[in-house]
mmCIF file of all heavy atoms, coordinates in Angstrom:
data_MODEL
# 
_entry.id   MODEL 
# 
loop_
_atom_site.group_PDB 
_atom_site.id 
_atom_site.type_symbol 
_atom_site.label_atom_id 
_atom_site.label_alt_id 
_atom_site.label_comp_id 
_atom_site.label_asym_id 
_atom_site.label_entity_id 
_atom_site.label_seq_id 
_atom_site.pdbx_PDB_ins_code 
_atom_site.Cartn_x 
_atom_site.Cartn_y 
_atom_site.Cartn_z 
_atom_site.occupancy 
_atom_site.B_iso_or_equiv 
_atom_site.pdbx_formal_charge 
_atom_site.auth_seq_id 
_atom_site.auth_comp_id 
_atom_site.auth_asym_id 
_atom_site.auth_atom_id 
_atom_site.pdbx_PDB_model_num 
ATOM 1   N N   . ALA A 1 1  ? -73.972 86.518  -58.697 1.00 0.00 ? 1  ALA A N   1 
ATOM 2   C CA  . ALA A 1 1  ? -74.925 87.490  -58.153 1.00 0.00 ? 1  ALA A CA  1 
ATOM 3   C C   . ALA A 1 1  ? -74.656 87.632  -56.660 1.00 0.00 ? 1  ALA A C   1 
ATOM 4   O O   . ALA A 1 1  ? -74.748 86.659  -55.912 1.00 0.00 ? 1  ALA A O   1 
ATOM 5   C CB  . ALA A 1 1  ? -76.356 87.036  -58.395 1.00 0.00 ? 1  ALA A CB  1 
ATOM 6   N N   . THR A 1 2  ? -74.285 88.825  -56.242 1.00 0.00 ? 2  THR A N   1 
ATOM 7   C CA  . THR A 1 2  ? -73.909 89.080  -54.855 1.00 0.00 ? 2  THR A CA  1 
ATOM 8   C C   . THR A 1 2  ? -74.838 90.136  -54.264 1.00 0.00 ? 2  THR A C   1 
ATOM 9   O O   . THR A 1 2  ? -75.020 91.201  -54.858 1.00 0.00 ? 2  THR A O   1 
ATOM 10  C CB  . THR A 1 2  ? -72.447 89.575  -54.787 1.00 0.00 ? 2  THR A CB  1 
ATOM 11  O OG1 . THR A 1 2  ? -71.609 88.599  -55.429 1.00 0.00 ? 2  THR A OG1 1 
ATOM 12  C CG2 . THR A 1 2  ? -71.998 89.774  -53.359 1.00 0.00 ? 2  THR A CG2 1 
ATOM 13  N N   . GLN A 1 3  ? -75.409 89.838  -53.132 1.00 0.00 ? 3  GLN A N   1 
ATOM 14  C CA  . GLN A 1 3  ? -76.313 90.774  -52.477 1.00 0.00 ? 3  GLN A CA  1 
ATOM 15  C C   . GLN A 1 3  ? -75.525 91.964  -51.924 1.00 0.00 ? 3  GLN A C   1 
ATOM 16  O O   . GLN A 1 3  ? -74.537 91.786  -51.235 1.00 0.00 ? 3  GLN A O   1 
ATOM 17  C CB  . GLN A 1 3  ? -77.057 90.089  -51.332 1.00 0.00 ? 3  GLN A CB  1 
ATOM 18  C CG  . GLN A 1 3  ? -77.985 90.993  -50.560 1.00 0.00 ? 3  GLN A CG  1 
ATOM 19  C CD  . GLN A 1 3  ? -79.087 91.585  -51.411 1.00 0.00 ? 3  GLN A CD  1 
ATOM 20  O OE1 . GLN A 1 3  ? -79.791 90.875  -52.099 1.00 0.00 ? 3  GLN A OE1 1 
ATOM 21  N NE2 . GLN A 1 3  ? -79.244 92.900  -51.360 1.00 0.00 ? 3  GLN A NE2 1 
ATOM 22  N N   . THR A 1 4  ? -75.963 93.167  -52.247 1.00 0.00 ? 4  THR A N   1 
ATOM 23  C CA  . THR A 1 4  ? -75.345 94.345  -51.649 1.00 0.00 ? 4  THR A CA  1 
ATOM 24  C C   . THR A 1 4  ? -75.784 94.427  -50.188 1.00 0.00 ? 4  THR A C   1 
ATOM 25  O O   . THR A 1 4  ? -76.887 94.022  -49.835 1.00 0.00 ? 4  THR A O   1 
ATOM 26  C CB  . THR A 1 4  ? -75.729 95.638  -52.397 1.00 0.00 ? 4  THR A CB  1 
ATOM 27  O OG1 . THR A 1 4  ? -77.144 95.691  -52.545 1.00 0.00 ? 4  THR A OG1 1 
ATOM 28  C CG2 . THR A 1 4  ? -75.081 95.691  -53.768 1.00 0.00 ? 4  THR A CG2 1 
ATOM 29  N N   . ILE A 1 5  ? -74.888 94.923  -49.368 1.00 0.00 ? 5  ILE A N   1 
ATOM 30  C CA  . ILE A 1 5  ? -75.167 94.997  -47.937 1.00 0.00 ? 5  ILE A CA  1 
ATOM 31  C C   . ILE A 1 5  ? -75.395 96.443  -47.532 1.00 0.00 ? 5  ILE A C   1 
ATOM 32  O O   . ILE A 1 5  ? -75.121 97.374  -48.276 1.00 0.00 ? 5  ILE A O   1 
ATOM 33  C CB  . ILE A 1 5  ? -74.024 94.374  -47.100 1.00 0.00 ? 5  ILE A CB  1 
ATOM 34  C CG1 . ILE A 1 5  ? -72.720 95.137  -47.323 1.00 0.00 ? 5  ILE A CG1 1 
ATOM 35  C CG2 . ILE A 1 5  ? -73.870 92.904  -47.410 1.00 0.00 ? 5  ILE A CG2 1 
ATOM 36  C CD1 . ILE A 1 5  ? -71.616 94.742  -46.366 1.00 0.00 ? 5  ILE A CD1 1 
ATOM 37  N N   . SER A 1 6  ? -75.901 96.603  -46.351 1.00 0.00 ? 6  SER A N   1 
ATOM 38  C CA  . SER A 1 6  ? -76.136 97.944  -45.807 1.00 0.00 ? 6  SER A CA  1 
ATOM 39  C C   . SER A 1 6  ? -75.809 97.922  -44.326 1.00 0.00 ? 6  SER A C   1 
ATOM 40  O O   . SER A 1 6  ? -75.532 96.876  -43.752 1.00 0.00 ? 6  SER A O   1 
ATOM 41  C CB  . SER A 1 6  ? -77.608 98.339  -46.014 1.00 0.00 ? 6  SER A CB  1 
ATOM 42  O OG  . SER A 1 6  ? -78.456 97.398  -45.393 1.00 0.00 ? 6  SER A OG  1 
ATOM 43  N N   . LEU A 1 7  ? -75.844 99.087  -43.740 1.00 0.00 ? 7  LEU A N   1 
ATOM 44  C CA  . LEU A 1 7  ? -75.713 99.206  -42.293 1.00 0.00 ? 7  LEU A CA  1 
ATOM 45  C C   . LEU A 1 7  ? -77.105 99.252  -41.697 1.00 0.00 ? 7  LEU A C   1 
ATOM 46  O O   . LEU A 1 7  ? -77.993 99.903  -42.240 1.00 0.00 ? 7  LEU A O   1 
ATOM 47  C CB  . LEU A 1 7  ? -74.951 100.485 -41.924 1.00 0.00 ? 7  LEU A CB  1 
ATOM 48  C CG  . LEU A 1 7  ? -73.520 100.577 -42.432 1.00 0.00 ? 7  LEU A CG  1 
ATOM 49  C CD1 . LEU A 1 7  ? -72.944 101.951 -42.131 1.00 0.00 ? 7  LEU A CD1 1 
ATOM 50  C CD2 . LEU A 1 7  ? -72.658 99.498  -41.817 1.00 0.00 ? 7  LEU A CD2 1 
ATOM 51  N N   . MET A 1 8  ? -77.301 98.567  -40.601 1.00 0.00 ? 8  MET A N   1 
ATOM 52  C CA  . MET A 1 8  ? -78.596 98.581  -39.919 1.00 0.00 ? 8  MET A CA  1 
ATOM 53  C C   . MET A 1 8  ? -78.408 99.313  -38.604 1.00 0.00 ? 8  MET A C   1 
ATOM 54  O O   . MET A 1 8  ? -77.533 98.954  -37.820 1.00 0.00 ? 8  MET A O   1 
ATOM 55  C CB  . MET A 1 8  ? -79.100 97.160  -39.682 1.00 0.00 ? 8  MET A CB  1 
ATOM 56  C CG  . MET A 1 8  ? -80.454 97.090  -39.004 1.00 0.00 ? 8  MET A CG  1 
ATOM 57  S SD  . MET A 1 8  ? -81.773 97.896  -39.911 1.00 0.00 ? 8  MET A SD  1 
ATOM 58  C CE  . MET A 1 8  ? -82.425 96.561  -40.849 1.00 0.00 ? 8  MET A CE  1 
ATOM 59  N N   . GLY A 1 9  ? -79.202 100.318 -38.404 1.00 0.00 ? 9  GLY A N   1 
ATOM 60  C CA  . GLY A 1 9  ? -79.097 101.109 -37.193 1.00 0.00 ? 9  GLY A CA  1 
ATOM 61  C C   . GLY A 1 9  ? -79.825 100.499 -36.016 1.00 0.00 ? 9  GLY A C   1 
ATOM 62  O O   . GLY A 1 9  ? -80.503 99.490  -36.134 1.00 0.00 ? 9  GLY A O   1 
ATOM 63  N N   . TYR A 1 10 ? -79.653 101.117 -34.924 1.00 0.00 ? 10 TYR A N   1 
ATOM 64  C CA  . TYR A 1 10 ? -80.350 100.717 -33.721 1.00 0.00 ? 10 TYR A CA  1 
ATOM 65  C C   . TYR A 1 10 ? -80.583 101.968 -32.895 1.00 0.00 ? 10 TYR A C   1 
ATOM 66  O O   . TYR A 1 10 ? -79.956 102.995 -33.106 1.00 0.00 ? 10 TYR A O   1 
ATOM 67  C CB  . TYR A 1 10 ? -79.560 99.677  -32.918 1.00 0.00 ? 10 TYR A CB  1 
ATOM 68  C CG  . TYR A 1 10 ? -78.190 100.147 -32.497 1.00 0.00 ? 10 TYR A CG  1 
ATOM 69  C CD1 . TYR A 1 10 ? -78.007 100.825 -31.300 1.00 0.00 ? 10 TYR A CD1 1 
ATOM 70  C CD2 . TYR A 1 10 ? -77.076 99.931  -33.301 1.00 0.00 ? 10 TYR A CD2 1 
ATOM 71  C CE1 . TYR A 1 10 ? -76.748 101.267 -30.917 1.00 0.00 ? 10 TYR A CE1 1 
ATOM 72  C CE2 . TYR A 1 10 ? -75.824 100.372 -32.917 1.00 0.00 ? 10 TYR A CE2 1 
ATOM 73  C CZ  . TYR A 1 10 ? -75.667 101.031 -31.733 1.00 0.00 ? 10 TYR A CZ  1 
ATOM 74  O OH  . TYR A 1 10 ? -74.430 101.478 -31.348 1.00 0.00 ? 10 TYR A OH  1 
ATOM 75  N N   . LYS A 1 11 ? -81.495 101.864 -31.985 1.00 0.00 ? 11 LYS A N   1 
ATOM 76  C CA  . LYS A 1 11 ? -81.791 102.991 -31.115 1.00 0.00 ? 11 LYS A CA  1 
ATOM 77  C C   . LYS A 1 11 ? -81.594 102.538 -29.683 1.00 0.00 ? 11 LYS A C   1 
ATOM 78  O O   . LYS A 1 11 ? -82.177 101.560 -29.254 1.00 0.00 ? 11 LYS A O   1 
ATOM 79  C CB  . LYS A 1 11 ? -83.221 103.481 -31.338 1.00 0.00 ? 11 LYS A CB  1 
ATOM 80  C CG  . LYS A 1 11 ? -83.458 104.005 -32.728 1.00 0.00 ? 11 LYS A CG  1 
ATOM 81  C CD  . LYS A 1 11 ? -84.927 104.349 -32.941 1.00 0.00 ? 11 LYS A CD  1 
ATOM 82  C CE  . LYS A 1 11 ? -85.154 104.831 -34.342 1.00 0.00 ? 11 LYS A CE  1 
ATOM 83  N NZ  . LYS A 1 11 ? -85.676 103.815 -35.209 1.00 0.00 ? 11 LYS A NZ  1 
ATOM 84  N N   . MET A 1 12 ? -80.764 103.243 -28.981 1.00 0.00 ? 12 MET A N   1 
ATOM 85  C CA  . MET A 1 12 ? -80.529 102.925 -27.581 1.00 0.00 ? 12 MET A CA  1 
ATOM 86  C C   . MET A 1 12 ? -80.555 104.236 -26.811 1.00 0.00 ? 12 MET A C   1 
ATOM 87  O O   . MET A 1 12 ? -79.942 105.215 -27.223 1.00 0.00 ? 12 MET A O   1 
ATOM 88  C CB  . MET A 1 12 ? -79.170 102.249 -27.404 1.00 0.00 ? 12 MET A CB  1 
ATOM 89  C CG  . MET A 1 12 ? -78.903 101.840 -25.972 1.00 0.00 ? 12 MET A CG  1 
ATOM 90  S SD  . MET A 1 12 ? -77.423 100.834 -25.809 1.00 0.00 ? 12 MET A SD  1 
ATOM 91  C CE  . MET A 1 12 ? -76.163 102.086 -25.879 1.00 0.00 ? 12 MET A CE  1 
ATOM 92  N N   . LEU A 1 13 ? -81.283 104.245 -25.742 1.00 0.00 ? 13 LEU A N   1 
ATOM 93  C CA  . LEU A 1 13 ? -81.370 105.436 -24.911 1.00 0.00 ? 13 LEU A CA  1 
ATOM 94  C C   . LEU A 1 13 ? -80.823 105.122 -23.531 1.00 0.00 ? 13 LEU A C   1 
ATOM 95  O O   . LEU A 1 13 ? -81.132 104.078 -22.960 1.00 0.00 ? 13 LEU A O   1 
ATOM 96  C CB  . LEU A 1 13 ? -82.812 105.916 -24.798 1.00 0.00 ? 13 LEU A CB  1 
ATOM 97  C CG  . LEU A 1 13 ? -83.377 106.483 -26.083 1.00 0.00 ? 13 LEU A CG  1 
ATOM 98  C CD1 . LEU A 1 13 ? -84.882 106.499 -26.050 1.00 0.00 ? 13 LEU A CD1 1 
ATOM 99  C CD2 . LEU A 1 13 ? -82.841 107.877 -26.306 1.00 0.00 ? 13 LEU A CD2 1 
ATOM 100 N N   . GLY A 1 14 ? -80.040 106.022 -23.043 1.00 0.00 ? 14 GLY A N   1 
ATOM 101 C CA  . GLY A 1 14 ? -79.497 105.854 -21.705 1.00 0.00 ? 14 GLY A CA  1 
ATOM 102 C C   . GLY A 1 14 ? -79.701 107.129 -20.908 1.00 0.00 ? 14 GLY A C   1 
ATOM 103 O O   . GLY A 1 14 ? -79.919 108.199 -21.470 1.00 0.00 ? 14 GLY A O   1 
ATOM 104 N N   . VAL A 1 15 ? -79.629 106.988 -19.624 1.00 0.00 ? 15 VAL A N   1 
ATOM 105 C CA  . VAL A 1 15 ? -79.790 108.134 -18.737 1.00 0.00 ? 15 VAL A CA  1 
ATOM 106 C C   . VAL A 1 15 ? -78.496 108.302 -17.949 1.00 0.00 ? 15 VAL A C   1 
ATOM 107 O O   . VAL A 1 15 ? -78.004 107.350 -17.335 1.00 0.00 ? 15 VAL A O   1 
ATOM 108 C CB  . VAL A 1 15 ? -80.986 107.932 -17.780 1.00 0.00 ? 15 VAL A CB  1 
ATOM 109 C CG1 . VAL A 1 15 ? -81.066 109.059 -16.764 1.00 0.00 ? 15 VAL A CG1 1 
ATOM 110 C CG2 . VAL A 1 15 ? -82.281 107.817 -18.572 1.00 0.00 ? 15 VAL A CG2 1 
ATOM 111 N N   . ASN A 1 16 ? -77.947 109.486 -17.986 1.00 0.00 ? 16 ASN A N   1 
ATOM 112 C CA  . ASN A 1 16 ? -76.727 109.788 -17.247 1.00 0.00 ? 16 ASN A CA  1 
ATOM 113 C C   . ASN A 1 16 ? -77.024 109.728 -15.753 1.00 0.00 ? 16 ASN A C   1 
ATOM 114 O O   . ASN A 1 16 ? -77.925 110.411 -15.255 1.00 0.00 ? 16 ASN A O   1 
ATOM 115 C CB  . ASN A 1 16 ? -76.226 111.180 -17.642 1.00 0.00 ? 16 ASN A CB  1 
ATOM 116 C CG  . ASN A 1 16 ? -74.910 111.540 -17.003 1.00 0.00 ? 16 ASN A CG  1 
ATOM 117 O OD1 . ASN A 1 16 ? -74.578 111.097 -15.902 1.00 0.00 ? 16 ASN A OD1 1 
ATOM 118 N ND2 . ASN A 1 16 ? -74.147 112.363 -17.704 1.00 0.00 ? 16 ASN A ND2 1 
ATOM 119 N N   . LYS A 1 17 ? -76.268 108.915 -15.053 1.00 0.00 ? 17 LYS A N   1 
ATOM 120 C CA  . LYS A 1 17 ? -76.535 108.744 -13.617 1.00 0.00 ? 17 LYS A CA  1 
ATOM 121 C C   . LYS A 1 17 ? -76.290 110.026 -12.826 1.00 0.00 ? 17 LYS A C   1 
ATOM 122 O O   . LYS A 1 17 ? -76.756 110.156 -11.703 1.00 0.00 ? 17 LYS A O   1 
ATOM 123 C CB  . LYS A 1 17 ? -75.694 107.606 -13.049 1.00 0.00 ? 17 LYS A CB  1 
ATOM 124 C CG  . LYS A 1 17 ? -74.201 107.897 -12.981 1.00 0.00 ? 17 LYS A CG  1 
ATOM 125 C CD  . LYS A 1 17 ? -73.446 106.739 -12.374 1.00 0.00 ? 17 LYS A CD  1 
ATOM 126 C CE  . LYS A 1 17 ? -71.965 107.089 -12.250 1.00 0.00 ? 17 LYS A CE  1 
ATOM 127 N NZ  . LYS A 1 17 ? -71.236 106.066 -11.556 1.00 0.00 ? 17 LYS A NZ  1 
ATOM 128 N N   . ASN A 1 18 ? -75.580 110.985 -13.415 1.00 0.00 ? 18 ASN A N   1 
ATOM 129 C CA  . ASN A 1 18 ? -75.276 112.236 -12.721 1.00 0.00 ? 18 ASN A CA  1 
ATOM 130 C C   . ASN A 1 18 ? -76.248 113.369 -13.058 1.00 0.00 ? 18 ASN A C   1 
ATOM 131 O O   . ASN A 1 18 ? -76.029 114.500 -12.631 1.00 0.00 ? 18 ASN A O   1 
ATOM 132 C CB  . ASN A 1 18 ? -73.841 112.681 -13.034 1.00 0.00 ? 18 ASN A CB  1 
ATOM 133 C CG  . ASN A 1 18 ? -72.827 111.667 -12.541 1.00 0.00 ? 18 ASN A CG  1 
ATOM 134 O OD1 . ASN A 1 18 ? -72.943 111.146 -11.440 1.00 0.00 ? 18 ASN A OD1 1 
ATOM 135 N ND2 . ASN A 1 18 ? -71.853 111.365 -13.375 1.00 0.00 ? 18 ASN A ND2 1 
ATOM 136 N N   . THR A 1 19 ? -77.297 113.071 -13.811 1.00 0.00 ? 19 THR A N   1 
ATOM 137 C CA  . THR A 1 19 ? -78.226 114.129 -14.192 1.00 0.00 ? 19 THR A CA  1 
ATOM 138 C C   . THR A 1 19 ? -78.899 114.750 -12.964 1.00 0.00 ? 19 THR A C   1 
ATOM 139 O O   . THR A 1 19 ? -79.153 114.069 -11.965 1.00 0.00 ? 19 THR A O   1 
ATOM 140 C CB  . THR A 1 19 ? -79.301 113.603 -15.169 1.00 0.00 ? 19 THR A CB  1 
ATOM 141 O OG1 . THR A 1 19 ? -80.149 114.701 -15.541 1.00 0.00 ? 19 THR A OG1 1 
ATOM 142 C CG2 . THR A 1 19 ? -80.169 112.532 -14.528 1.00 0.00 ? 19 THR A CG2 1 
ATOM 143 N N   . LYS A 1 20 ? -79.185 116.035 -13.079 1.00 0.00 ? 20 LYS A N   1 
ATOM 144 C CA  . LYS A 1 20 ? -79.895 116.726 -12.002 1.00 0.00 ? 20 LYS A CA  1 
ATOM 145 C C   . LYS A 1 20 ? -81.370 116.336 -11.986 1.00 0.00 ? 20 LYS A C   1 
ATOM 146 O O   . LYS A 1 20 ? -82.066 116.564 -11.005 1.00 0.00 ? 20 LYS A O   1 
ATOM 147 C CB  . LYS A 1 20 ? -79.773 118.239 -12.176 1.00 0.00 ? 20 LYS A CB  1 
ATOM 148 C CG  . LYS A 1 20 ? -78.388 118.777 -11.896 1.00 0.00 ? 20 LYS A CG  1 
ATOM 149 C CD  . LYS A 1 20 ? -78.250 120.254 -12.243 1.00 0.00 ? 20 LYS A CD  1 
ATOM 150 C CE  . LYS A 1 20 ? -79.203 121.130 -11.475 1.00 0.00 ? 20 LYS A CE  1 
ATOM 151 N NZ  . LYS A 1 20 ? -79.010 122.577 -11.716 1.00 0.00 ? 20 LYS A NZ  1 
ATOM 152 N N   . TYR A 1 21 ? -81.851 115.760 -13.100 1.00 0.00 ? 21 TYR A N   1 
ATOM 153 C CA  . TYR A 1 21 ? -83.276 115.464 -13.235 1.00 0.00 ? 21 TYR A CA  1 
ATOM 154 C C   . TYR A 1 21 ? -83.482 113.994 -13.638 1.00 0.00 ? 21 TYR A C   1 
ATOM 155 O O   . TYR A 1 21 ? -84.005 113.700 -14.722 1.00 0.00 ? 21 TYR A O   1 
ATOM 156 C CB  . TYR A 1 21 ? -83.905 116.398 -14.265 1.00 0.00 ? 21 TYR A CB  1 
ATOM 157 C CG  . TYR A 1 21 ? -83.643 117.852 -13.950 1.00 0.00 ? 21 TYR A CG  1 
ATOM 158 C CD1 . TYR A 1 21 ? -82.675 118.570 -14.647 1.00 0.00 ? 21 TYR A CD1 1 
ATOM 159 C CD2 . TYR A 1 21 ? -84.347 118.491 -12.932 1.00 0.00 ? 21 TYR A CD2 1 
ATOM 160 C CE1 . TYR A 1 21 ? -82.425 119.896 -14.342 1.00 0.00 ? 21 TYR A CE1 1 
ATOM 161 C CE2 . TYR A 1 21 ? -84.094 119.813 -12.624 1.00 0.00 ? 21 TYR A CE2 1 
ATOM 162 C CZ  . TYR A 1 21 ? -83.127 120.515 -13.327 1.00 0.00 ? 21 TYR A CZ  1 
ATOM 163 O OH  . TYR A 1 21 ? -82.875 121.822 -13.021 1.00 0.00 ? 21 TYR A OH  1 
ATOM 164 N N   . PRO A 1 22 ? -83.124 113.061 -12.768 1.00 0.00 ? 22 PRO A N   1 
ATOM 165 C CA  . PRO A 1 22 ? -83.221 111.642 -13.149 1.00 0.00 ? 22 PRO A CA  1 
ATOM 166 C C   . PRO A 1 22 ? -84.649 111.183 -13.444 1.00 0.00 ? 22 PRO A C   1 
ATOM 167 O O   . PRO A 1 22 ? -84.857 110.378 -14.356 1.00 0.00 ? 22 PRO A O   1 
ATOM 168 C CB  . PRO A 1 22 ? -82.633 110.906 -11.954 1.00 0.00 ? 22 PRO A CB  1 
ATOM 169 C CG  . PRO A 1 22 ? -82.753 111.857 -10.807 1.00 0.00 ? 22 PRO A CG  1 
ATOM 170 C CD  . PRO A 1 22 ? -82.646 113.235 -11.402 1.00 0.00 ? 22 PRO A CD  1 
ATOM 171 N N   . ASN A 1 23 ? -85.619 111.676 -12.725 1.00 0.00 ? 23 ASN A N   1 
ATOM 172 C CA  . ASN A 1 23 ? -87.000 111.241 -12.965 1.00 0.00 ? 23 ASN A CA  1 
ATOM 173 C C   . ASN A 1 23 ? -87.484 111.688 -14.341 1.00 0.00 ? 23 ASN A C   1 
ATOM 174 O O   . ASN A 1 23 ? -88.122 110.925 -15.073 1.00 0.00 ? 23 ASN A O   1 
ATOM 175 C CB  . ASN A 1 23 ? -87.938 111.753 -11.871 1.00 0.00 ? 23 ASN A CB  1 
ATOM 176 C CG  . ASN A 1 23 ? -87.658 111.087 -10.536 1.00 0.00 ? 23 ASN A CG  1 
ATOM 177 O OD1 . ASN A 1 23 ? -87.092 110.004 -10.471 1.00 0.00 ? 23 ASN A OD1 1 
ATOM 178 N ND2 . ASN A 1 23 ? -88.052 111.758 -9.454  1.00 0.00 ? 23 ASN A ND2 1 
ATOM 179 N N   . THR A 1 24 ? -87.159 112.921 -14.698 1.00 0.00 ? 24 THR A N   1 
ATOM 180 C CA  . THR A 1 24 ? -87.548 113.430 -16.015 1.00 0.00 ? 24 THR A CA  1 
ATOM 181 C C   . THR A 1 24 ? -86.817 112.677 -17.115 1.00 0.00 ? 24 THR A C   1 
ATOM 182 O O   . THR A 1 24 ? -87.417 112.305 -18.134 1.00 0.00 ? 24 THR A O   1 
ATOM 183 C CB  . THR A 1 24 ? -87.237 114.943 -16.101 1.00 0.00 ? 24 THR A CB  1 
ATOM 184 O OG1 . THR A 1 24 ? -87.930 115.618 -15.058 1.00 0.00 ? 24 THR A OG1 1 
ATOM 185 C CG2 . THR A 1 24 ? -87.652 115.508 -17.450 1.00 0.00 ? 24 THR A CG2 1 
ATOM 186 N N   . ALA A 1 25 ? -85.537 112.425 -16.916 1.00 0.00 ? 25 ALA A N   1 
ATOM 187 C CA  . ALA A 1 25 ? -84.747 111.706 -17.918 1.00 0.00 ? 25 ALA A CA  1 
ATOM 188 C C   . ALA A 1 25 ? -85.278 110.284 -18.112 1.00 0.00 ? 25 ALA A C   1 
ATOM 189 O O   . ALA A 1 25 ? -85.404 109.802 -19.246 1.00 0.00 ? 25 ALA A O   1 
ATOM 190 C CB  . ALA A 1 25 ? -83.276 111.686 -17.515 1.00 0.00 ? 25 ALA A CB  1 
ATOM 191 N N   . HIS A 1 26 ? -85.595 109.614 -17.020 1.00 0.00 ? 26 HIS A N   1 
ATOM 192 C CA  . HIS A 1 26 ? -86.150 108.264 -17.124 1.00 0.00 ? 26 HIS A CA  1 
ATOM 193 C C   . HIS A 1 26 ? -87.521 108.277 -17.806 1.00 0.00 ? 26 HIS A C   1 
ATOM 194 O O   . HIS A 1 26 ? -87.832 107.389 -18.612 1.00 0.00 ? 26 HIS A O   1 
ATOM 195 C CB  . HIS A 1 26 ? -86.250 107.601 -15.744 1.00 0.00 ? 26 HIS A CB  1 
ATOM 196 C CG  . HIS A 1 26 ? -84.950 107.088 -15.248 1.00 0.00 ? 26 HIS A CG  1 
ATOM 197 N ND1 . HIS A 1 26 ? -84.225 107.710 -14.258 1.00 0.00 ? 26 HIS A ND1 1 
ATOM 198 C CD2 . HIS A 1 26 ? -84.214 106.012 -15.621 1.00 0.00 ? 26 HIS A CD2 1 
ATOM 199 C CE1 . HIS A 1 26 ? -83.112 107.046 -14.030 1.00 0.00 ? 26 HIS A CE1 1 
ATOM 200 N NE2 . HIS A 1 26 ? -83.079 106.006 -14.840 1.00 0.00 ? 26 HIS A NE2 1 
# 
């Protein structure tokens, strides 16, 4: 008996340092 595996996602958010709107992005 072998357990089937899956992919586990993640959520990561980043802000581009070159954005014109850093405060809004943050």
